[in-house]
Amino acid sequence: MSNVKLESSWLDRLRYEFDKDYFVKLKAFLKHEKQQGKTIFPPGNQMFAAMDACAFEDVKVVIIGQDPYHGVGQANGLCFSVNKGVQPPPSLVNIFKELETDLSILPPPHGDLSEWAKQGVLLLNATLSVEAHRAGSHQNKGWEHFTDHIIQVLNEERSDLVFMLWGGYAKRKGGKIDQGKHMVLTSGHPSPLSANKGYWFGNRHFSKCNAFLKTRGLSPINWRLG
């Protein structure tokens, strides 16, 4: 599928996925949805933003989300992230609260996580598109196979990565990660439903991640957003 625009280090590892039956069907589904006049988020040129912002060899940390945000102007291709000027959704607010508790970093004035991505944090949703105002609408259409392959190649070809698996869905998604090669951090999801039951706050994933990176001789992530 030569018309796919993707950062070169990822394209080298994913190019054959685009010709597989599941991806051909996925592409046809997306085309049909657009022909029906449905609004799809994020915009097409941002569906692979997580990989475009963080080359394969630069990845240090992988955070796995589920769906893109489905509200107007929210999704930007990085899981849990929204563009500057967009109100941070509740899950992101809770991420910032935990960051403050863990590392005394005050919540930023925006919800754009691209500065994390530039430092090697792969902000990967399991499903890379969604219909406006319909959460989960593009699940089980093929994206999960594609993102499983992304996790697989990271697991196999890299070492000393930190995987942050928040909530049951992410934990299942990362179930095959080799914990002898990588650090796997798990907790409840930062959504209010989970966080308010005590499954999110206090996980201290951000400091644990940086401590692990330092033991491997790697520079820690600066979680503070400008």
C-alpha atoms as a PDB file:
ATOM      1  CA  MET A   1       0.000   0.000   0.000  1.00  0.00           C
ATOM      2  CA  SER A   2       2.375   2.610  -1.312  1.00  0.00           C
ATOM      3  CA  ASN A   3       0.197   5.636  -0.486  1.00  0.00           C
ATOM      4  CA  VAL A   4       0.573   5.202   3.290  1.00  0.00           C
ATOM      5  CA  LYS A   5       2.616   8.034   4.762  1.00  0.00           C
ATOM      6  CA  LEU A   6       4.448   6.876   7.853  1.00  0.00           C
ATOM      7  CA  GLU A   7       7.745   7.672   9.575  1.00  0.00           C
ATOM      8  CA  SER A   8      10.427   5.619   7.814  1.00  0.00           C
ATOM      9  CA  SER A   9      11.641   3.465  10.719  1.00  0.00           C
ATOM     10  CA  TRP A  10       8.071   2.342  11.355  1.00  0.00           C
ATOM     11  CA  LEU A  11       7.263   1.915   7.679  1.00  0.00           C
ATOM     12  CA  ASP A  12      10.196  -0.504   7.377  1.00  0.00           C
ATOM     13  CA  ARG A  13       8.570  -2.715  10.025  1.00  0.00           C
ATOM     14  CA  LEU A  14       4.903  -2.258   9.174  1.00  0.00           C
ATOM     15  CA  ARG A  15       4.775  -2.007   5.374  1.00  0.00           C
ATOM     16  CA  TYR A  16       3.661  -5.610   4.912  1.00  0.00           C
ATOM     17  CA  GLU A  17       0.719  -5.124   7.264  1.00  0.00           C
ATOM     18  CA  PHE A  18      -0.902  -2.724   4.812  1.00  0.00           C
ATOM     19  CA  ASP A  19      -1.363  -5.453   2.209  1.00  0.00           C
ATOM     20  CA  LYS A  20      -2.855  -8.011   4.577  1.00  0.00           C
ATOM     21  CA  ASP A  21      -6.521  -8.868   4.289  1.00  0.00           C
ATOM     22  CA  TYR A  22      -7.495  -7.264   7.596  1.00  0.00           C
ATOM     23  CA  PHE A  23      -5.979  -3.912   6.635  1.00  0.00           C
ATOM     24  CA  VAL A  24      -7.503  -3.947   3.162  1.00  0.00           C
ATOM     25  CA  LYS A  25     -10.904  -4.448   4.821  1.00  0.00           C
ATOM     26  CA  LEU A  26     -10.131  -1.721   7.361  1.00  0.00           C
ATOM     27  CA  LYS A  27      -9.266   0.743   4.614  1.00  0.00           C
ATOM     28  CA  ALA A  28     -12.481  -0.129   2.758  1.00  0.00           C
ATOM     29  CA  PHE A  29     -14.478   0.382   5.973  1.00  0.00           C
ATOM     30  CA  LEU A  30     -12.958   3.823   6.559  1.00  0.00           C
ATOM     31  CA  LYS A  31     -13.592   4.830   2.944  1.00  0.00           C
ATOM     32  CA  HIS A  32     -17.224   3.702   3.179  1.00  0.00           C
ATOM     33  CA  GLU A  33     -17.781   5.598   6.421  1.00  0.00           C
ATOM     34  CA  LYS A  34     -16.477   8.797   4.852  1.00  0.00           C
ATOM     35  CA  GLN A  35     -18.636   8.273   1.757  1.00  0.00           C
ATOM     36  CA  GLN A  36     -21.636   8.021   4.090  1.00  0.00           C
ATOM     37  CA  GLY A  37     -20.807  11.514   5.318  1.00  0.00           C
ATOM     38  CA  LYS A  38     -19.658  10.413   8.751  1.00  0.00           C
ATOM     39  CA  THR A  39     -17.049  12.466  10.588  1.00  0.00           C
ATOM     40  CA  ILE A  40     -13.978  10.473  11.586  1.00  0.00           C
ATOM     41  CA  PHE A  41     -11.460  11.444  14.263  1.00  0.00           C
ATOM     42  CA  PRO A  42      -8.591  12.144  14.232  1.00  0.00           C
ATOM     43  CA  PRO A  43      -8.083  13.616  10.742  1.00  0.00           C
ATOM     44  CA  GLY A  44      -6.569  11.125   8.314  1.00  0.00           C
ATOM     45  CA  ASN A  45      -3.136  12.740   8.376  1.00  0.00           C
ATOM     46  CA  GLN A  46      -2.985  12.280  12.167  1.00  0.00           C
ATOM     47  CA  MET A  47      -4.013   8.629  12.463  1.00  0.00           C
ATOM     48  CA  PHE A  48      -0.358   7.552  12.611  1.00  0.00           C
ATOM     49  CA  ALA A  49       0.769  10.574  14.650  1.00  0.00           C
ATOM     50  CA  ALA A  50       2.029   8.415  17.542  1.00  0.00           C
ATOM     51  CA  MET A  51       4.602   6.746  15.271  1.00  0.00           C
ATOM     52  CA  ASP A  52       5.376   9.893  13.296  1.00  0.00           C
ATOM     53  CA  ALA A  53       6.276  11.712  16.515  1.00  0.00           C
ATOM     54  CA  CYS A  54       8.479   8.943  17.913  1.00  0.00           C
ATOM     55  CA  ALA A  55      10.771   6.875  15.662  1.00  0.00           C
ATOM     56  CA  PHE A  56      11.089   3.160  16.411  1.00  0.00           C
ATOM     57  CA  GLU A  57      14.655   3.376  17.693  1.00  0.00           C
ATOM     58  CA  ASP A  58      13.802   6.376  19.915  1.00  0.00           C
ATOM     59  CA  VAL A  59      11.016   4.686  21.884  1.00  0.00           C
ATOM     60  CA  LYS A  60      11.677   4.456  25.631  1.00  0.00           C
ATOM     61  CA  VAL A  61       8.158   4.280  27.031  1.00  0.00           C
ATOM     62  CA  VAL A  62       4.889   2.908  25.630  1.00  0.00           C
ATOM     63  CA  ILE A  63       1.534   4.109  26.985  1.00  0.00           C
ATOM     64  CA  ILE A  64      -1.408   2.172  25.558  1.00  0.00           C
ATOM     65  CA  GLY A  65      -4.808   3.809  25.227  1.00  0.00           C
ATOM     66  CA  GLN A  66      -8.005   2.368  23.776  1.00  0.00           C
ATOM     67  CA  ASP A  67      -9.895   4.735  21.429  1.00  0.00           C
ATOM     68  CA  PRO A  68      -9.216   8.266  20.219  1.00  0.00           C
ATOM     69  CA  TYR A  69     -11.354  10.921  21.852  1.00  0.00           C
ATOM     70  CA  HIS A  70     -14.632  11.245  19.927  1.00  0.00           C
ATOM     71  CA  GLY A  71     -15.493  14.886  20.661  1.00  0.00           C
ATOM     72  CA  VAL A  72     -14.990  17.637  18.086  1.00  0.00           C
ATOM     73  CA  GLY A  73     -11.391  18.891  18.010  1.00  0.00           C
ATOM     74  CA  GLN A  74     -10.133  16.526  20.703  1.00  0.00           C
ATOM     75  CA  ALA A  75      -8.268  13.611  19.065  1.00  0.00           C
ATOM     76  CA  ASN A  76      -4.807  14.377  17.677  1.00  0.00           C
ATOM     77  CA  GLY A  77      -3.438  10.861  17.163  1.00  0.00           C
ATOM     78  CA  LEU A  78      -1.635  10.629  20.521  1.00  0.00           C
ATOM     79  CA  CYS A  79      -3.460   8.657  23.201  1.00  0.00           C
ATOM     80  CA  PHE A  80      -4.831  10.739  26.091  1.00  0.00           C
ATOM     81  CA  SER A  81      -3.596  13.936  24.372  1.00  0.00           C
ATOM     82  CA  VAL A  82      -5.552  16.912  23.045  1.00  0.00           C
ATOM     83  CA  ASN A  83      -4.356  19.957  21.158  1.00  0.00           C
ATOM     84  CA  LYS A  84      -3.583  23.202  22.932  1.00  0.00           C
ATOM     85  CA  GLY A  85      -6.737  25.224  23.412  1.00  0.00           C
ATOM     86  CA  VAL A  86      -8.874  22.113  23.967  1.00  0.00           C
ATOM     87  CA  GLN A  87     -10.110  21.398  27.494  1.00  0.00           C
ATOM     88  CA  PRO A  88      -8.290  18.319  28.912  1.00  0.00           C
ATOM     89  CA  PRO A  89     -10.777  15.435  29.277  1.00  0.00           C
ATOM     90  CA  PRO A  90     -11.323  13.828  32.708  1.00  0.00           C
ATOM     91  CA  SER A  91      -8.845  10.964  32.184  1.00  0.00           C
ATOM     92  CA  LEU A  92      -6.093  13.406  31.272  1.00  0.00           C
ATOM     93  CA  VAL A  93      -6.940  15.586  34.263  1.00  0.00           C
ATOM     94  CA  ASN A  94      -6.436  12.545  36.484  1.00  0.00           C
ATOM     95  CA  ILE A  95      -3.118  11.759  34.773  1.00  0.00           C
ATOM     96  CA  PHE A  96      -1.954  15.265  35.639  1.00  0.00           C
ATOM     97  CA  LYS A  97      -3.184  14.852  39.242  1.00  0.00           C
ATOM     98  CA  GLU A  98      -1.140  11.679  39.641  1.00  0.00           C
ATOM     99  CA  LEU A  99       1.859  13.383  38.074  1.00  0.00           C
ATOM    100  CA  GLU A 100       1.578  16.146  40.660  1.00  0.00           C
ATOM    101  CA  THR A 101       1.338  13.656  43.530  1.00  0.00           C
ATOM    102  CA  ASP A 102       4.195  11.538  42.185  1.00  0.00           C
ATOM    103  CA  LEU A 103       6.708  14.159  41.021  1.00  0.00           C
ATOM    104  CA  SER A 104       5.286  17.473  42.305  1.00  0.00           C
ATOM    105  CA  ILE A 105       4.705  18.618  38.720  1.00  0.00           C
ATOM    106  CA  LEU A 106       1.838  21.087  38.564  1.00  0.00           C
ATOM    107  CA  PRO A 107      -0.835  20.492  35.902  1.00  0.00           C
ATOM    108  CA  PRO A 108       0.048  22.299  32.666  1.00  0.00           C
ATOM    109  CA  PRO A 109      -2.197  24.915  31.051  1.00  0.00           C
ATOM    110  CA  HIS A 110      -2.992  22.534  28.160  1.00  0.00           C
ATOM    111  CA  GLY A 111      -3.374  18.852  27.348  1.00  0.00           C
ATOM    112  CA  ASP A 112      -0.926  18.485  24.455  1.00  0.00           C
ATOM    113  CA  LEU A 113       1.385  15.538  25.212  1.00  0.00           C
ATOM    114  CA  SER A 114       3.551  15.889  22.102  1.00  0.00           C
ATOM    115  CA  GLU A 115       6.533  16.948  24.241  1.00  0.00           C
ATOM    116  CA  TRP A 116       6.429  13.491  25.820  1.00  0.00           C
ATOM    117  CA  ALA A 117       6.359  11.875  22.384  1.00  0.00           C
ATOM    118  CA  LYS A 118       9.431  13.834  21.279  1.00  0.00           C
ATOM    119  CA  GLN A 119      11.333  12.336  24.227  1.00  0.00           C
ATOM    120  CA  GLY A 120      10.489   8.758  23.322  1.00  0.00           C
ATOM    121  CA  VAL A 121       7.025   8.159  24.785  1.00  0.00           C
ATOM    122  CA  LEU A 122       4.920   6.231  22.254  1.00  0.00           C
ATOM    123  CA  LEU A 123       1.327   7.311  22.943  1.00  0.00           C
ATOM    124  CA  LEU A 124      -0.445   4.457  21.186  1.00  0.00           C
ATOM    125  CA  ASN A 125      -4.179   3.912  20.999  1.00  0.00           C
ATOM    126  CA  ALA A 126      -5.307   0.353  20.264  1.00  0.00           C
ATOM    127  CA  THR A 127      -7.811   1.727  17.737  1.00  0.00           C
ATOM    128  CA  LEU A 128      -6.560   4.601  15.613  1.00  0.00           C
ATOM    129  CA  SER A 129      -9.871   6.105  14.500  1.00  0.00           C
ATOM    130  CA  VAL A 130     -13.407   6.667  15.764  1.00  0.00           C
ATOM    131  CA  GLU A 131     -16.686   8.124  14.493  1.00  0.00           C
ATOM    132  CA  ALA A 132     -17.629  11.473  15.992  1.00  0.00           C
ATOM    133  CA  HIS A 133     -19.587  11.126  19.243  1.00  0.00           C
ATOM    134  CA  ARG A 134     -19.610   7.304  19.059  1.00  0.00           C
ATOM    135  CA  ALA A 135     -17.083   5.826  21.469  1.00  0.00           C
ATOM    136  CA  GLY A 136     -15.779   2.427  20.385  1.00  0.00           C
ATOM    137  CA  SER A 137     -17.365   2.678  16.932  1.00  0.00           C
ATOM    138  CA  HIS A 138     -14.214   1.557  15.098  1.00  0.00           C
ATOM    139  CA  GLN A 139     -13.299  -1.293  17.413  1.00  0.00           C
ATOM    140  CA  ASN A 140     -12.960  -4.771  15.888  1.00  0.00           C
ATOM    141  CA  LYS A 141     -12.503  -3.367  12.380  1.00  0.00           C
ATOM    142  CA  GLY A 142      -8.820  -4.290  12.091  1.00  0.00           C
ATOM    143  CA  TRP A 143      -6.908  -1.619  13.958  1.00  0.00           C
ATOM    144  CA  GLU A 144      -6.269  -3.950  16.888  1.00  0.00           C
ATOM    145  CA  HIS A 145      -4.319  -6.360  14.647  1.00  0.00           C
ATOM    146  CA  PHE A 146      -2.189  -3.475  13.438  1.00  0.00           C
ATOM    147  CA  THR A 147      -1.409  -2.114  16.880  1.00  0.00           C
ATOM    148  CA  ASP A 148      -0.770  -5.627  18.226  1.00  0.00           C
ATOM    149  CA  HIS A 149       1.942  -5.901  15.584  1.00  0.00           C
ATOM    150  CA  ILE A 150       3.449  -2.586  16.727  1.00  0.00           C
ATOM    151  CA  ILE A 151       3.661  -3.901  20.286  1.00  0.00           C
ATOM    152  CA  GLN A 152       5.060  -7.207  19.030  1.00  0.00           C
ATOM    153  CA  VAL A 153       7.943  -5.658  17.084  1.00  0.00           C
ATOM    154  CA  LEU A 154       8.814  -3.401  20.004  1.00  0.00           C
ATOM    155  CA  ASN A 155       8.759  -6.374  22.359  1.00  0.00           C
ATOM    156  CA  GLU A 156      10.954  -8.479  20.084  1.00  0.00           C
ATOM    157  CA  GLU A 157      13.407  -5.992  18.596  1.00  0.00           C
ATOM    158  CA  ARG A 158      13.923  -3.608  21.519  1.00  0.00           C
ATOM    159  CA  SER A 159      14.921  -4.060  25.157  1.00  0.00           C
ATOM    160  CA  ASP A 160      14.641  -2.016  28.358  1.00  0.00           C
ATOM    161  CA  LEU A 161      11.360  -0.367  27.390  1.00  0.00           C
ATOM    162  CA  VAL A 162       8.780   0.739  29.947  1.00  0.00           C
ATOM    163  CA  PHE A 163       5.205  -0.290  29.137  1.00  0.00           C
ATOM    164  CA  MET A 164       2.476   1.525  31.067  1.00  0.00           C
ATOM    165  CA  LEU A 165      -0.738  -0.515  30.966  1.00  0.00           C
ATOM    166  CA  TRP A 166      -3.655   1.389  32.469  1.00  0.00           C
ATOM    167  CA  GLY A 167      -6.908  -0.531  32.857  1.00  0.00           C
ATOM    168  CA  GLY A 168      -8.029  -4.007  31.900  1.00  0.00           C
ATOM    169  CA  TYR A 169      -8.013  -3.403  28.167  1.00  0.00           C
ATOM    170  CA  ALA A 170      -4.398  -2.201  28.105  1.00  0.00           C
ATOM    171  CA  LYS A 171      -3.315  -5.042  30.392  1.00  0.00           C
ATOM    172  CA  ARG A 172      -4.765  -7.589  27.967  1.00  0.00           C
ATOM    173  CA  LYS A 173      -3.215  -5.743  25.033  1.00  0.00           C
ATOM    174  CA  GLY A 174       0.205  -6.030  26.646  1.00  0.00           C
ATOM    175  CA  GLY A 175      -0.230  -9.561  27.896  1.00  0.00           C
ATOM    176  CA  LYS A 176       2.574 -11.005  25.754  1.00  0.00           C
ATOM    177  CA  ILE A 177       5.259  -8.461  26.638  1.00  0.00           C
ATOM    178  CA  ASP A 178       8.487 -10.130  27.783  1.00  0.00           C
ATOM    179  CA  GLN A 179       8.937  -8.900  31.345  1.00  0.00           C
ATOM    180  CA  GLY A 180      12.458 -10.282  31.347  1.00  0.00           C
ATOM    181  CA  LYS A 181      13.420  -7.661  28.753  1.00  0.00           C
ATOM    182  CA  HIS A 182      11.100  -4.804  29.630  1.00  0.00           C
ATOM    183  CA  MET A 183       9.479  -3.128  32.629  1.00  0.00           C
ATOM    184  CA  VAL A 184       5.690  -3.507  32.689  1.00  0.00           C
ATOM    185  CA  LEU A 185       3.749  -1.153  34.969  1.00  0.00           C
ATOM    186  CA  THR A 186       0.045  -1.827  35.501  1.00  0.00           C
ATOM    187  CA  SER A 187      -2.746  -0.007  37.294  1.00  0.00           C
ATOM    188  CA  GLY A 188      -6.378   0.930  36.938  1.00  0.00           C
ATOM    189  CA  HIS A 189      -7.444   3.327  34.206  1.00  0.00           C
ATOM    190  CA  PRO A 190      -7.267   7.103  34.869  1.00  0.00           C
ATOM    191  CA  SER A 191     -10.931   7.561  33.930  1.00  0.00           C
ATOM    192  CA  PRO A 192     -13.041   8.920  36.817  1.00  0.00           C
ATOM    193  CA  LEU A 193     -14.961   5.634  37.102  1.00  0.00           C
ATOM    194  CA  SER A 194     -11.770   3.727  37.885  1.00  0.00           C
ATOM    195  CA  ALA A 195      -9.738   6.474  39.531  1.00  0.00           C
ATOM    196  CA  ASN A 196     -12.434   7.363  42.040  1.00  0.00           C
ATOM    197  CA  LYS A 197     -12.525   3.731  43.198  1.00  0.00           C
ATOM    198  CA  GLY A 198      -8.851   3.904  44.109  1.00  0.00           C
ATOM    199  CA  TYR A 199      -7.430   1.964  41.161  1.00  0.00           C
ATOM    200  CA  TRP A 200      -5.432   4.812  39.618  1.00  0.00           C
ATOM    201  CA  PHE A 201      -4.171   7.359  42.118  1.00  0.00           C
ATOM    202  CA  GLY A 202      -0.943   6.475  43.877  1.00  0.00           C
ATOM    203  CA  ASN A 203       0.482   4.195  41.194  1.00  0.00           C
ATOM    204  CA  ARG A 204       3.597   6.423  40.909  1.00  0.00           C
ATOM    205  CA  HIS A 205       4.243   5.143  37.401  1.00  0.00           C
ATOM    206  CA  PHE A 206       6.071   8.265  36.297  1.00  0.00           C
ATOM    207  CA  SER A 207       8.774   8.091  38.960  1.00  0.00           C
ATOM    208  CA  LYS A 208       9.031   4.297  38.650  1.00  0.00           C
ATOM    209  CA  CYS A 209       9.536   4.676  34.904  1.00  0.00           C
ATOM    210  CA  ASN A 210      12.331   7.199  35.316  1.00  0.00           C
ATOM    211  CA  ALA A 211      14.048   5.138  38.011  1.00  0.00           C
ATOM    212  CA  PHE A 212      14.087   2.142  35.667  1.00  0.00           C
ATOM    213  CA  LEU A 213      15.436   4.167  32.739  1.00  0.00           C
ATOM    214  CA  LYS A 214      18.263   5.486  34.927  1.00  0.00           C
ATOM    215  CA  THR A 215      19.261   1.953  35.985  1.00  0.00           C
ATOM    216  CA  ARG A 216      19.621   1.123  32.275  1.00  0.00           C
ATOM    217  CA  GLY A 217      21.810   4.153  31.636  1.00  0.00           C
ATOM    218  CA  LEU A 218      19.046   5.986  29.781  1.00  0.00           C
ATOM    219  CA  SER A 219      17.985   9.583  30.285  1.00  0.00           C
ATOM    220  CA  PRO A 220      14.689   9.927  32.165  1.00  0.00           C
ATOM    221  CA  ILE A 221      11.568  11.503  30.712  1.00  0.00           C
ATOM    222  CA  ASN A 222      10.902  15.110  31.601  1.00  0.00           C
ATOM    223  CA  TRP A 223       7.199  14.786  32.319  1.00  0.00           C
ATOM    224  CA  ARG A 224       6.781  18.538  32.823  1.00  0.00           C
ATOM    225  CA  LEU A 225       4.892  20.134  29.926  1.00  0.00           C
ATOM    226  CA  GLY A 226       5.691  23.696  28.917  1.00  0.00           C
END
